[in-house]
């Protein structure tokens, strides 16, 4: 038995319905606070941008400096 293929419009409607149904789960996951390797607490959604910032690089350099003196 072969199921008929869905059109692009049907796929788009299904994705939109799923996103609306699971919005709160996505929001909670995005807003979850995690600790970066440099010690900063950032939201999961912001971690990639945070790792590109000067603050992150400076903190990692400081951590490496402290570890190397031990």
PDB file of N, CA and C in Angstrom:
ATOM      1  N   UNK A   1       0.838  -1.173   0.000  1.00  0.00           N
ATOM      2  CA  UNK A   1       0.000   0.000   0.000  1.00  0.00           C
ATOM      3  C   UNK A   1       0.890   1.244   0.000  1.00  0.00           C
ATOM      4  N   UNK A   2       0.654   2.125  -0.916  1.00  0.00           N
ATOM      5  CA  UNK A   2       1.457   3.326  -1.086  1.00  0.00           C
ATOM      6  C   UNK A   2       0.641   4.537  -0.647  1.00  0.00           C
ATOM      7  N   UNK A   3       1.254   5.325   0.224  1.00  0.00           N
ATOM      8  CA  UNK A   3       0.570   6.542   0.654  1.00  0.00           C
ATOM      9  C   UNK A   3       0.808   7.643  -0.373  1.00  0.00           C
ATOM     10  N   UNK A   4      -0.178   8.472  -0.603  1.00  0.00           N
ATOM     11  CA  UNK A   4       0.026   9.572  -1.558  1.00  0.00           C
ATOM     12  C   UNK A   4       1.003  10.600  -0.986  1.00  0.00           C
ATOM     13  N   UNK A   5       1.778  11.182  -1.865  1.00  0.00           N
ATOM     14  CA  UNK A   5       2.754  12.192  -1.439  1.00  0.00           C
ATOM     15  C   UNK A   5       2.027  13.460  -0.996  1.00  0.00           C
ATOM     16  N   UNK A   6       2.616  14.114  -0.002  1.00  0.00           N
ATOM     17  CA  UNK A   6       2.048  15.371   0.471  1.00  0.00           C
ATOM     18  C   UNK A   6       2.594  16.513  -0.379  1.00  0.00           C
ATOM     19  N   UNK A   7       1.756  17.483  -0.603  1.00  0.00           N
ATOM     20  CA  UNK A   7       2.195  18.657  -1.352  1.00  0.00           C
ATOM     21  C   UNK A   7       3.001  19.567  -0.434  1.00  0.00           C
ATOM     22  N   UNK A   8       3.676  20.514  -1.016  1.00  0.00           N
ATOM     23  CA  UNK A   8       4.479  21.456  -0.236  1.00  0.00           C
ATOM     24  C   UNK A   8       3.599  22.240   0.736  1.00  0.00           C
ATOM     25  N   UNK A   9       2.397  22.587   0.302  1.00  0.00           N
ATOM     26  CA  UNK A   9       1.482  23.339   1.175  1.00  0.00           C
ATOM     27  C   UNK A   9       1.050  22.484   2.369  1.00  0.00           C
ATOM     28  N   UNK A  10       0.809  21.204   2.137  1.00  0.00           N
ATOM     29  CA  UNK A  10       0.418  20.307   3.235  1.00  0.00           C
ATOM     30  C   UNK A  10       1.565  20.144   4.228  1.00  0.00           C
ATOM     31  N   UNK A  11       2.768  19.997   3.717  1.00  0.00           N
ATOM     32  CA  UNK A  11       3.930  19.869   4.591  1.00  0.00           C
ATOM     33  C   UNK A  11       4.116  21.121   5.429  1.00  0.00           C
ATOM     34  N   UNK A  12       3.969  22.274   4.793  1.00  0.00           N
ATOM     35  CA  UNK A  12       4.124  23.543   5.499  1.00  0.00           C
ATOM     36  C   UNK A  12       3.064  23.686   6.591  1.00  0.00           C
ATOM     37  N   UNK A  13       1.840  23.302   6.286  1.00  0.00           N
ATOM     38  CA  UNK A  13       0.756  23.380   7.272  1.00  0.00           C
ATOM     39  C   UNK A  13       1.011  22.427   8.435  1.00  0.00           C
ATOM     40  N   UNK A  14       1.522  21.234   8.145  1.00  0.00           N
ATOM     41  CA  UNK A  14       1.827  20.267   9.208  1.00  0.00           C
ATOM     42  C   UNK A  14       2.945  20.773  10.115  1.00  0.00           C
ATOM     43  N   UNK A  15       3.986  21.351   9.537  1.00  0.00           N
ATOM     44  CA  UNK A  15       5.083  21.905  10.337  1.00  0.00           C
ATOM     45  C   UNK A  15       4.600  23.041  11.222  1.00  0.00           C
ATOM     46  N   UNK A  16       3.746  23.896  10.670  1.00  0.00           N
ATOM     47  CA  UNK A  16       3.222  25.026  11.447  1.00  0.00           C
ATOM     48  C   UNK A  16       2.360  24.530  12.600  1.00  0.00           C
ATOM     49  N   UNK A  17       1.540  23.518  12.358  1.00  0.00           N
ATOM     50  CA  UNK A  17       0.683  22.970  13.417  1.00  0.00           C
ATOM     51  C   UNK A  17       1.529  22.329  14.511  1.00  0.00           C
ATOM     52  N   UNK A  18       2.564  21.607  14.128  1.00  0.00           N
ATOM     53  CA  UNK A  18       3.446  20.971  15.104  1.00  0.00           C
ATOM     54  C   UNK A  18       4.155  22.031  15.943  1.00  0.00           C
ATOM     55  N   UNK A  19       4.625  23.097  15.295  1.00  0.00           N
ATOM     56  CA  UNK A  19       5.326  24.166  16.008  1.00  0.00           C
ATOM     57  C   UNK A  19       4.391  24.859  16.998  1.00  0.00           C
ATOM     58  N   UNK A  20       3.148  25.103  16.584  1.00  0.00           N
ATOM     59  CA  UNK A  20       2.182  25.720  17.500  1.00  0.00           C
ATOM     60  C   UNK A  20       1.897  24.813  18.688  1.00  0.00           C
ATOM     61  N   UNK A  21       1.781  23.519  18.428  1.00  0.00           N
ATOM     62  CA  UNK A  21       1.466  22.555  19.482  1.00  0.00           C
ATOM     63  C   UNK A  21       2.611  22.449  20.490  1.00  0.00           C
ATOM     64  N   UNK A  22       3.838  22.532  20.035  1.00  0.00           N
ATOM     65  CA  UNK A  22       5.001  22.320  20.891  1.00  0.00           C
ATOM     66  C   UNK A  22       5.763  23.608  21.203  1.00  0.00           C
ATOM     67  N   UNK A  23       5.118  24.751  21.052  1.00  0.00           N
ATOM     68  CA  UNK A  23       5.762  26.042  21.258  1.00  0.00           C
ATOM     69  C   UNK A  23       6.391  26.163  22.643  1.00  0.00           C
ATOM     70  N   UNK A  24       5.672  25.764  23.669  1.00  0.00           N
ATOM     71  CA  UNK A  24       6.182  25.927  25.031  1.00  0.00           C
ATOM     72  C   UNK A  24       7.422  25.076  25.285  1.00  0.00           C
ATOM     73  N   UNK A  25       7.465  23.887  24.705  1.00  0.00           N
ATOM     74  CA  UNK A  25       8.654  23.056  24.856  1.00  0.00           C
ATOM     75  C   UNK A  25       9.859  23.725  24.198  1.00  0.00           C
ATOM     76  N   UNK A  26       9.665  24.259  22.998  1.00  0.00           N
ATOM     77  CA  UNK A  26      10.746  24.952  22.304  1.00  0.00           C
ATOM     78  C   UNK A  26      11.203  26.157  23.107  1.00  0.00           C
ATOM     79  N   UNK A  27      10.243  26.922  23.626  1.00  0.00           N
ATOM     80  CA  UNK A  27      10.569  28.134  24.376  1.00  0.00           C
ATOM     81  C   UNK A  27      11.359  27.803  25.637  1.00  0.00           C
ATOM     82  N   UNK A  28      10.934  26.786  26.369  1.00  0.00           N
ATOM     83  CA  UNK A  28      11.651  26.384  27.582  1.00  0.00           C
ATOM     84  C   UNK A  28      13.069  25.958  27.258  1.00  0.00           C
ATOM     85  N   UNK A  29      13.238  25.212  26.190  1.00  0.00           N
ATOM     86  CA  UNK A  29      14.568  24.739  25.791  1.00  0.00           C
ATOM     87  C   UNK A  29      15.471  25.915  25.404  1.00  0.00           C
ATOM     88  N   UNK A  30      14.924  26.868  24.635  1.00  0.00           N
ATOM     89  CA  UNK A  30      15.695  28.040  24.208  1.00  0.00           C
ATOM     90  C   UNK A  30      16.117  28.900  25.387  1.00  0.00           C
ATOM     91  N   UNK A  31      15.221  29.054  26.364  1.00  0.00           N
ATOM     92  CA  UNK A  31      15.490  29.949  27.484  1.00  0.00           C
ATOM     93  C   UNK A  31      16.250  29.289  28.621  1.00  0.00           C
ATOM     94  N   UNK A  32      16.488  27.997  28.522  1.00  0.00           N
ATOM     95  CA  UNK A  32      17.218  27.283  29.571  1.00  0.00           C
ATOM     96  C   UNK A  32      18.611  27.887  29.719  1.00  0.00           C
ATOM     97  N   UNK A  33      19.021  28.122  30.955  1.00  0.00           N
ATOM     98  CA  UNK A  33      20.339  28.693  31.218  1.00  0.00           C
ATOM     99  C   UNK A  33      21.353  27.564  31.368  1.00  0.00           C
ATOM    100  N   UNK A  34      22.478  27.722  30.672  1.00  0.00           N
ATOM    101  CA  UNK A  34      23.554  26.743  30.767  1.00  0.00           C
ATOM    102  C   UNK A  34      24.851  27.483  31.060  1.00  0.00           C
ATOM    103  N   UNK A  35      25.802  26.763  31.606  1.00  0.00           N
ATOM    104  CA  UNK A  35      27.087  27.377  31.920  1.00  0.00           C
ATOM    105  C   UNK A  35      28.067  27.111  30.786  1.00  0.00           C
ATOM    106  N   UNK A  36      28.629  28.171  30.282  1.00  0.00           N
ATOM    107  CA  UNK A  36      29.622  28.078  29.208  1.00  0.00           C
ATOM    108  C   UNK A  36      30.936  27.577  29.787  1.00  0.00           C
ATOM    109  N   UNK A  37      31.822  27.113  28.923  1.00  0.00           N
ATOM    110  CA  UNK A  37      33.128  26.638  29.364  1.00  0.00           C
ATOM    111  C   UNK A  37      33.965  27.751  29.990  1.00  0.00           C
ATOM    112  N   UNK A  38      33.608  29.007  29.704  1.00  0.00           N
ATOM    113  CA  UNK A  38      34.330  30.135  30.300  1.00  0.00           C
ATOM    114  C   UNK A  38      33.741  30.525  31.652  1.00  0.00           C
ATOM    115  N   UNK A  39      32.636  29.909  32.039  1.00  0.00           N
ATOM    116  CA  UNK A  39      32.032  30.172  33.336  1.00  0.00           C
ATOM    117  C   UNK A  39      30.808  31.056  33.297  1.00  0.00           C
ATOM    118  N   UNK A  40      30.508  31.660  32.166  1.00  0.00           N
ATOM    119  CA  UNK A  40      29.349  32.545  32.051  1.00  0.00           C
ATOM    120  C   UNK A  40      28.060  31.730  31.961  1.00  0.00           C
ATOM    121  N   UNK A  41      26.992  32.267  32.544  1.00  0.00           N
ATOM    122  CA  UNK A  41      25.680  31.643  32.443  1.00  0.00           C
ATOM    123  C   UNK A  41      24.928  32.328  31.308  1.00  0.00           C
ATOM    124  N   UNK A  42      24.585  31.564  30.285  1.00  0.00           N
ATOM    125  CA  UNK A  42      23.880  32.117  29.121  1.00  0.00           C
ATOM    126  C   UNK A  42      22.743  31.195  28.736  1.00  0.00           C
ATOM    127  N   UNK A  43      21.780  31.736  27.989  1.00  0.00           N
ATOM    128  CA  UNK A  43      20.675  30.904  27.536  1.00  0.00           C
ATOM    129  C   UNK A  43      21.169  29.990  26.412  1.00  0.00           C
ATOM    130  N   UNK A  44      20.512  28.875  26.267  1.00  0.00           N
ATOM    131  CA  UNK A  44      20.898  27.894  25.254  1.00  0.00           C
ATOM    132  C   UNK A  44      20.847  28.513  23.850  1.00  0.00           C
ATOM    133  N   UNK A  45      19.883  29.402  23.619  1.00  0.00           N
ATOM    134  CA  UNK A  45      19.738  30.024  22.311  1.00  0.00           C
ATOM    135  C   UNK A  45      20.875  31.001  22.012  1.00  0.00           C
ATOM    136  N   UNK A  46      21.536  31.532  23.025  1.00  0.00           N
ATOM    137  CA  UNK A  46      22.552  32.560  22.858  1.00  0.00           C
ATOM    138  C   UNK A  46      23.975  32.006  22.903  1.00  0.00           C
ATOM    139  N   UNK A  47      24.159  30.729  23.214  1.00  0.00           N
ATOM    140  CA  UNK A  47      25.495  30.178  23.446  1.00  0.00           C
ATOM    141  C   UNK A  47      26.417  30.333  22.226  1.00  0.00           C
ATOM    142  N   UNK A  48      25.903  30.136  21.026  1.00  0.00           N
ATOM    143  CA  UNK A  48      26.752  30.247  19.833  1.00  0.00           C
ATOM    144  C   UNK A  48      27.242  31.678  19.651  1.00  0.00           C
ATOM    145  N   UNK A  49      26.361  32.659  19.852  1.00  0.00           N
ATOM    146  CA  UNK A  49      26.766  34.061  19.750  1.00  0.00           C
ATOM    147  C   UNK A  49      27.743  34.419  20.867  1.00  0.00           C
ATOM    148  N   UNK A  50      27.487  33.911  22.056  1.00  0.00           N
ATOM    149  CA  UNK A  50      28.351  34.200  23.196  1.00  0.00           C
ATOM    150  C   UNK A  50      29.786  33.743  22.929  1.00  0.00           C
ATOM    151  N   UNK A  51      29.944  32.590  22.318  1.00  0.00           N
ATOM    152  CA  UNK A  51      31.284  32.058  22.068  1.00  0.00           C
ATOM    153  C   UNK A  51      32.081  32.890  21.072  1.00  0.00           C
ATOM    154  N   UNK A  52      31.419  33.781  20.334  1.00  0.00           N
ATOM    155  CA  UNK A  52      32.094  34.655  19.376  1.00  0.00           C
ATOM    156  C   UNK A  52      32.483  35.992  19.994  1.00  0.00           C
ATOM    157  N   UNK A  53      32.055  36.234  21.223  1.00  0.00           N
ATOM    158  CA  UNK A  53      32.282  37.530  21.868  1.00  0.00           C
ATOM    159  C   UNK A  53      33.663  37.624  22.500  1.00  0.00           C
ATOM    160  N   UNK A  54      34.118  38.854  22.676  1.00  0.00           N
ATOM    161  CA  UNK A  54      35.418  39.115  23.278  1.00  0.00           C
ATOM    162  C   UNK A  54      35.441  38.638  24.731  1.00  0.00           C
ATOM    163  N   UNK A  55      34.325  38.811  25.442  1.00  0.00           N
ATOM    164  CA  UNK A  55      34.243  38.406  26.847  1.00  0.00           C
ATOM    165  C   UNK A  55      34.584  36.914  27.000  1.00  0.00           C
ATOM    166  N   UNK A  56      34.087  36.095  26.088  1.00  0.00           N
ATOM    167  CA  UNK A  56      34.332  34.656  26.119  1.00  0.00           C
ATOM    168  C   UNK A  56      35.820  34.371  25.884  1.00  0.00           C
ATOM    169  N   UNK A  57      36.381  35.009  24.877  1.00  0.00           N
ATOM    170  CA  UNK A  57      37.789  34.777  24.545  1.00  0.00           C
ATOM    171  C   UNK A  57      38.705  35.197  25.697  1.00  0.00           C
ATOM    172  N   UNK A  58      38.410  36.334  26.311  1.00  0.00           N
ATOM    173  CA  UNK A  58      39.229  36.824  27.420  1.00  0.00           C
ATOM    174  C   UNK A  58      39.136  35.864  28.606  1.00  0.00           C
ATOM    175  N   UNK A  59      37.926  35.403  28.890  1.00  0.00           N
ATOM    176  CA  UNK A  59      37.739  34.484  30.016  1.00  0.00           C
ATOM    177  C   UNK A  59      38.471  33.166  29.780  1.00  0.00           C
ATOM    178  N   UNK A  60      38.416  32.645  28.559  1.00  0.00           N
ATOM    179  CA  UNK A  60      39.131  31.399  28.257  1.00  0.00           C
ATOM    180  C   UNK A  60      40.636  31.588  28.363  1.00  0.00           C
ATOM    181  N   UNK A  61      41.128  32.726  27.905  1.00  0.00           N
ATOM    182  CA  UNK A  61      42.562  33.005  28.007  1.00  0.00           C
ATOM    183  C   UNK A  61      42.995  33.070  29.468  1.00  0.00           C
ATOM    184  N   UNK A  62      42.167  33.685  30.297  1.00  0.00           N
ATOM    185  CA  UNK A  62      42.471  33.778  31.727  1.00  0.00           C
ATOM    186  C   UNK A  62      42.477  32.391  32.366  1.00  0.00           C
ATOM    187  N   UNK A  63      41.511  31.563  32.005  1.00  0.00           N
ATOM    188  CA  UNK A  63      41.440  30.199  32.548  1.00  0.00           C
ATOM    189  C   UNK A  63      42.682  29.412  32.151  1.00  0.00           C
ATOM    190  N   UNK A  64      43.100  29.527  30.902  1.00  0.00           N
ATOM    191  CA  UNK A  64      44.304  28.833  30.427  1.00  0.00           C
ATOM    192  C   UNK A  64      45.544  29.326  31.172  1.00  0.00           C
ATOM    193  N   UNK A  65      45.614  30.626  31.400  1.00  0.00           N
ATOM    194  CA  UNK A  65      46.753  31.206  32.105  1.00  0.00           C
ATOM    195  C   UNK A  65      46.826  30.663  33.539  1.00  0.00           C
ATOM    196  N   UNK A  66      45.681  30.590  34.201  1.00  0.00           N
ATOM    197  CA  UNK A  66      45.627  30.090  35.567  1.00  0.00           C
ATOM    198  C   UNK A  66      46.020  28.603  35.611  1.00  0.00           C
ATOM    199  N   UNK A  67      45.519  27.831  34.640  1.00  0.00           N
ATOM    200  CA  UNK A  67      45.840  26.394  34.609  1.00  0.00           C
ATOM    201  C   UNK A  67      47.327  26.158  34.345  1.00  0.00           C
ATOM    202  N   UNK A  68      47.935  26.993  33.522  1.00  0.00           N
ATOM    203  CA  UNK A  68      49.332  26.786  33.172  1.00  0.00           C
ATOM    204  C   UNK A  68      50.278  27.140  34.334  1.00  0.00           C
ATOM    205  N   UNK A  69      49.819  27.951  35.267  1.00  0.00           N
ATOM    206  CA  UNK A  69      50.666  28.331  36.408  1.00  0.00           C
ATOM    207  C   UNK A  69      50.610  27.323  37.543  1.00  0.00           C
ATOM    208  N   UNK A  70      49.746  26.354  37.440  1.00  0.00           N
ATOM    209  CA  UNK A  70      49.638  25.350  38.516  1.00  0.00           C
ATOM    210  C   UNK A  70      50.657  24.264  38.382  1.00  0.00           C
TER     211      UNK A  70
END
